[in-house]
Amino acid sequence: MIVIVTMLLAAAAQTPPTTYRAVGTEPFWSVTVAGQEMRIEEPGVPAVILLIRAPQPIDSGWRWHNRAITMDAVRAPCSDGMSDRTYPDRVTLSFRGRTLTGCGGAAAGSGRLADTAWRVVAIDGRRVRLPRPATIRFTGDRIEGNSGCNRFGGGYALDRDRLTAARLATTRMACVGTGMAAEQRLLGVLAAATVTWRGERTLVLSGGGGSVTLRRE
């Protein structure tokens, strides 16, 4: 029994993350990984979006690598130097002839969405009337829900007030009435949203030129 438990724990420890977020200062930069997509952002320049394979295990961490970049995340406490937040990983990013350092993983105190369920009550500030309730649930590093027409699911990353849930898989039911437009707006906002809390039971996600208001269930 002890051997089996040890093997299961070792296997779980080697499960590669499907989403990841890293940030750096001096200079400022950020990397968001969602599935096979990596988005690299720096102030004043267009974002770079790359296709990336699943990370490979390294000593005490993970390595993302392709011809353009190498990013190592090693398990060790890390401070971004600009706030009192502590991250679980130290990150080194090699990109375009430069080596940048920063922090990665979920910052302490940023996991308020984990294991919560929400109902969509408004899109772009207007109450929604859909064929069925639009809902969102966050479980671990997974997001799933119903757009009011189709079910969706995938990985997500939360860094401070930034939510990223790109490349969500959806079912393919035809949406009638306003259902299709509402679904496109909801999924567009979830791809990269700013999170604003209004108390403990109301959440506003803003991004992609729109907003979604959620009420906790």
Protein backbone atom coordinates (compact mmCIF):
# COMPACT_ATOMS: atom_id res chain seq x y z
CA MET A 1 0.00 0.00 0.00
CA ILE A 2 2.81 2.44 0.89
CA VAL A 3 4.55 1.69 -2.41
CA ILE A 4 1.35 2.34 -4.39
CA VAL A 5 0.69 5.65 -2.63
CA THR A 6 4.29 6.75 -3.20
CA MET A 7 4.02 5.93 -6.90
CA LEU A 8 0.76 7.86 -7.22
CA LEU A 9 2.23 10.90 -5.50
CA ALA A 10 5.30 10.79 -7.75
CA ALA A 11 3.10 10.56 -10.85
CA ALA A 12 1.00 13.52 -9.71
CA ALA A 13 4.13 15.58 -9.09
CA GLN A 14 5.18 14.98 -12.71
CA THR A 15 1.87 16.10 -14.24
CA PRO A 16 2.75 19.13 -16.39
CA PRO A 17 0.74 22.32 -15.81
CA THR A 18 -1.66 23.21 -18.64
CA THR A 19 -1.77 26.87 -17.64
CA TYR A 20 0.92 29.08 -16.16
CA ARG A 21 1.62 32.75 -15.53
CA ALA A 22 4.99 34.44 -14.98
CA VAL A 23 5.84 38.11 -14.43
CA GLY A 24 8.99 40.18 -14.20
CA THR A 25 10.06 43.73 -13.42
CA GLU A 26 13.04 45.86 -14.47
CA PRO A 27 12.12 45.47 -17.29
CA PHE A 28 8.42 44.65 -17.01
CA TRP A 29 7.29 41.52 -18.83
CA SER A 30 4.74 38.75 -18.50
CA VAL A 31 4.17 35.30 -19.94
CA THR A 32 0.84 33.49 -20.00
CA VAL A 33 0.65 29.84 -21.02
CA ALA A 34 -2.76 28.36 -21.80
CA GLY A 35 -2.68 24.93 -23.38
CA GLN A 36 -0.39 25.05 -26.43
CA GLU A 37 -0.32 28.85 -26.59
CA MET A 38 2.27 31.10 -24.97
CA ARG A 39 1.71 34.86 -24.89
CA ILE A 40 4.68 37.13 -24.14
CA GLU A 41 3.90 40.75 -23.29
CA GLU A 42 6.12 43.78 -22.73
CA PRO A 43 5.08 47.45 -22.44
CA GLY A 44 5.08 49.42 -25.66
CA VAL A 45 5.45 46.50 -28.06
CA PRO A 46 2.93 44.11 -29.62
CA ALA A 47 2.35 40.86 -27.77
CA VAL A 48 4.12 37.79 -29.14
CA ILE A 49 2.01 34.63 -29.37
CA LEU A 50 3.79 31.31 -29.87
CA LEU A 51 2.78 27.69 -30.13
CA ILE A 52 4.44 25.71 -27.37
CA ARG A 53 4.59 22.06 -26.40
CA ALA A 54 3.85 20.75 -22.92
CA PRO A 55 6.68 21.57 -20.50
CA GLN A 56 9.36 19.05 -19.68
CA PRO A 57 10.36 18.29 -16.08
CA ILE A 58 13.65 19.69 -14.81
CA ASP A 59 15.16 19.64 -11.34
CA SER A 60 12.45 21.07 -9.03
CA GLY A 61 10.45 22.58 -11.87
CA TRP A 62 9.43 22.73 -15.53
CA ARG A 63 10.91 23.92 -18.83
CA TRP A 64 8.95 25.33 -21.78
CA HIS A 65 11.04 25.34 -24.95
CA ASN A 66 10.86 25.87 -28.70
CA ARG A 67 13.12 27.51 -31.29
CA ALA A 68 12.23 31.00 -30.10
CA ILE A 69 12.21 30.75 -26.31
CA THR A 70 13.25 28.78 -23.27
CA MET A 71 11.48 29.37 -19.97
CA ASP A 72 12.43 27.58 -16.75
CA ALA A 73 10.26 27.68 -13.64
CA VAL A 74 11.99 26.34 -10.53
CA ARG A 75 10.18 25.80 -7.24
CA ALA A 76 11.55 28.42 -4.83
CA PRO A 77 9.89 31.41 -3.07
CA CYS A 78 10.06 34.53 -5.22
CA SER A 79 9.17 38.21 -4.72
CA ASP A 80 8.54 40.49 -7.69
CA GLY A 81 10.31 43.37 -5.92
CA MET A 82 7.35 45.71 -6.45
CA SER A 83 4.82 44.38 -3.94
CA ASP A 84 4.51 42.17 -0.88
CA ARG A 85 3.30 39.21 -2.94
CA THR A 86 5.24 35.95 -2.81
CA TYR A 87 5.17 33.52 -5.71
CA PRO A 88 6.03 29.81 -5.53
CA ASP A 89 8.46 29.76 -8.49
CA ARG A 90 11.54 31.56 -9.77
CA VAL A 91 11.40 31.98 -13.54
CA THR A 92 14.13 32.53 -16.15
CA LEU A 93 13.03 33.49 -19.67
CA SER A 94 15.48 33.42 -22.60
CA PHE A 95 13.96 35.27 -25.56
CA ARG A 96 15.35 37.27 -28.49
CA GLY A 97 18.90 37.21 -27.19
CA ARG A 98 17.94 38.36 -23.70
CA THR A 99 17.66 36.57 -20.38
CA LEU A 100 14.88 37.89 -18.14
CA THR A 101 14.17 36.85 -14.58
CA GLY A 102 10.94 36.96 -12.63
CA CYS A 103 8.41 35.01 -10.61
CA GLY A 104 5.72 32.52 -11.54
CA GLY A 105 2.77 30.52 -10.36
CA ALA A 106 -0.17 31.78 -8.33
CA ALA A 107 0.81 34.52 -5.90
CA ALA A 108 -0.09 34.00 -2.27
CA GLY A 109 -3.61 35.28 -1.70
CA SER A 110 -4.59 35.17 -5.39
CA GLY A 111 -6.56 31.95 -5.31
CA ARG A 112 -9.96 33.42 -4.48
CA LEU A 113 -11.55 31.85 -7.57
CA ALA A 114 -10.53 28.28 -6.76
CA ASP A 115 -13.48 25.96 -6.08
CA THR A 116 -16.14 28.61 -6.66
CA ALA A 117 -19.26 28.60 -8.86
CA TRP A 118 -20.88 31.62 -10.53
CA ARG A 119 -23.94 32.58 -12.57
CA VAL A 120 -23.76 35.14 -15.39
CA VAL A 121 -26.23 37.93 -14.60
CA ALA A 122 -25.20 40.61 -17.11
CA ILE A 123 -23.14 41.05 -20.27
CA ASP A 124 -21.90 44.54 -21.14
CA GLY A 125 -23.94 45.86 -18.22
CA ARG A 126 -27.25 44.47 -19.53
CA ARG A 127 -29.12 41.59 -17.93
CA VAL A 128 -29.12 38.47 -20.06
CA ARG A 129 -32.02 36.24 -21.08
CA LEU A 130 -30.71 32.98 -22.49
CA PRO A 131 -32.21 29.53 -23.30
CA ARG A 132 -30.59 28.17 -20.12
CA PRO A 133 -28.61 29.71 -17.24
CA ALA A 134 -25.05 30.75 -18.10
CA THR A 135 -22.68 29.47 -15.42
CA ILE A 136 -18.96 29.29 -14.66
CA ARG A 137 -17.15 27.02 -12.21
CA PHE A 138 -13.47 27.18 -11.20
CA THR A 139 -11.97 23.92 -9.91
CA GLY A 140 -8.23 23.77 -9.29
CA ASP A 141 -6.66 25.07 -12.51
CA ARG A 142 -9.74 24.21 -14.58
CA ILE A 143 -12.65 26.36 -15.70
CA GLU A 144 -15.92 24.94 -17.01
CA GLY A 145 -19.45 26.10 -17.49
CA ASN A 146 -22.36 26.76 -19.79
CA SER A 147 -22.60 29.81 -22.04
CA GLY A 148 -26.39 29.63 -22.02
CA CYS A 149 -26.21 27.48 -25.13
CA ASN A 150 -23.02 25.39 -25.24
CA ARG A 151 -20.88 23.84 -22.53
CA PHE A 152 -17.23 24.91 -22.37
CA GLY A 153 -14.12 23.93 -20.46
CA GLY A 154 -10.35 24.19 -20.29
CA GLY A 155 -7.51 25.56 -18.23
CA TYR A 156 -7.20 29.01 -16.73
CA ALA A 157 -4.57 31.15 -15.05
CA LEU A 158 -5.09 33.88 -12.47
CA ASP A 159 -2.38 36.41 -11.68
CA ARG A 160 -3.39 39.24 -9.37
CA ASP A 161 -6.40 40.71 -11.19
CA ARG A 162 -5.65 39.11 -14.56
CA LEU A 163 -7.63 36.05 -15.68
CA THR A 164 -6.63 34.10 -18.79
CA ALA A 165 -8.69 31.22 -20.17
CA ALA A 166 -7.71 30.89 -23.83
CA ARG A 167 -8.52 28.02 -26.21
CA LEU A 168 -11.58 26.78 -24.34
CA ALA A 169 -13.21 23.69 -25.82
CA THR A 170 -16.97 23.98 -26.47
CA THR A 171 -19.81 21.79 -27.62
CA ARG A 172 -21.33 22.60 -31.02
CA MET A 173 -25.03 23.19 -30.46
CA ALA A 174 -26.72 25.84 -32.59
CA CYS A 175 -27.68 28.91 -30.56
CA VAL A 176 -30.96 30.69 -31.29
CA GLY A 177 -31.92 34.30 -30.69
CA THR A 178 -29.30 36.24 -28.76
CA GLY A 179 -27.59 33.05 -27.58
CA MET A 180 -24.77 33.04 -30.15
CA ALA A 181 -23.84 36.69 -29.62
CA ALA A 182 -23.89 36.23 -25.84
CA GLU A 183 -21.71 33.13 -26.09
CA GLN A 184 -19.13 34.86 -28.30
CA ARG A 185 -18.97 37.82 -25.94
CA LEU A 186 -18.61 35.61 -22.85
CA LEU A 187 -15.82 33.47 -24.33
CA GLY A 188 -14.09 36.55 -25.72
CA VAL A 189 -13.98 38.17 -22.28
CA LEU A 190 -12.75 34.97 -20.62
CA ALA A 191 -9.78 34.77 -23.02
CA ALA A 192 -8.08 37.67 -21.20
CA ALA A 193 -9.98 39.55 -18.52
CA THR A 194 -9.38 41.98 -15.70
CA VAL A 195 -11.07 40.79 -12.50
CA THR A 196 -12.90 43.31 -10.32
CA TRP A 197 -14.49 42.18 -7.05
CA ARG A 198 -17.62 43.91 -5.80
CA GLY A 199 -17.91 42.39 -2.37
CA GLU A 200 -17.57 38.64 -1.95
CA ARG A 201 -20.51 37.59 -4.13
CA THR A 202 -20.23 39.74 -7.26
CA LEU A 203 -17.44 39.64 -9.84
CA VAL A 204 -16.96 41.70 -13.00
CA LEU A 205 -14.72 40.38 -15.79
CA SER A 206 -13.63 43.03 -18.29
CA GLY A 207 -11.76 42.46 -21.53
CA GLY A 208 -12.01 42.32 -25.30
CA GLY A 209 -14.10 45.47 -25.32
CA GLY A 210 -16.81 43.96 -23.12
CA SER A 211 -17.69 42.90 -19.60
CA VAL A 212 -19.41 40.01 -17.84
CA THR A 213 -20.99 40.32 -14.39
CA LEU A 214 -21.09 37.18 -12.25
CA ARG A 215 -23.03 36.39 -9.08
CA ARG A 216 -21.69 33.70 -6.77
CA GLU A 217 -23.88 30.64 -6.30
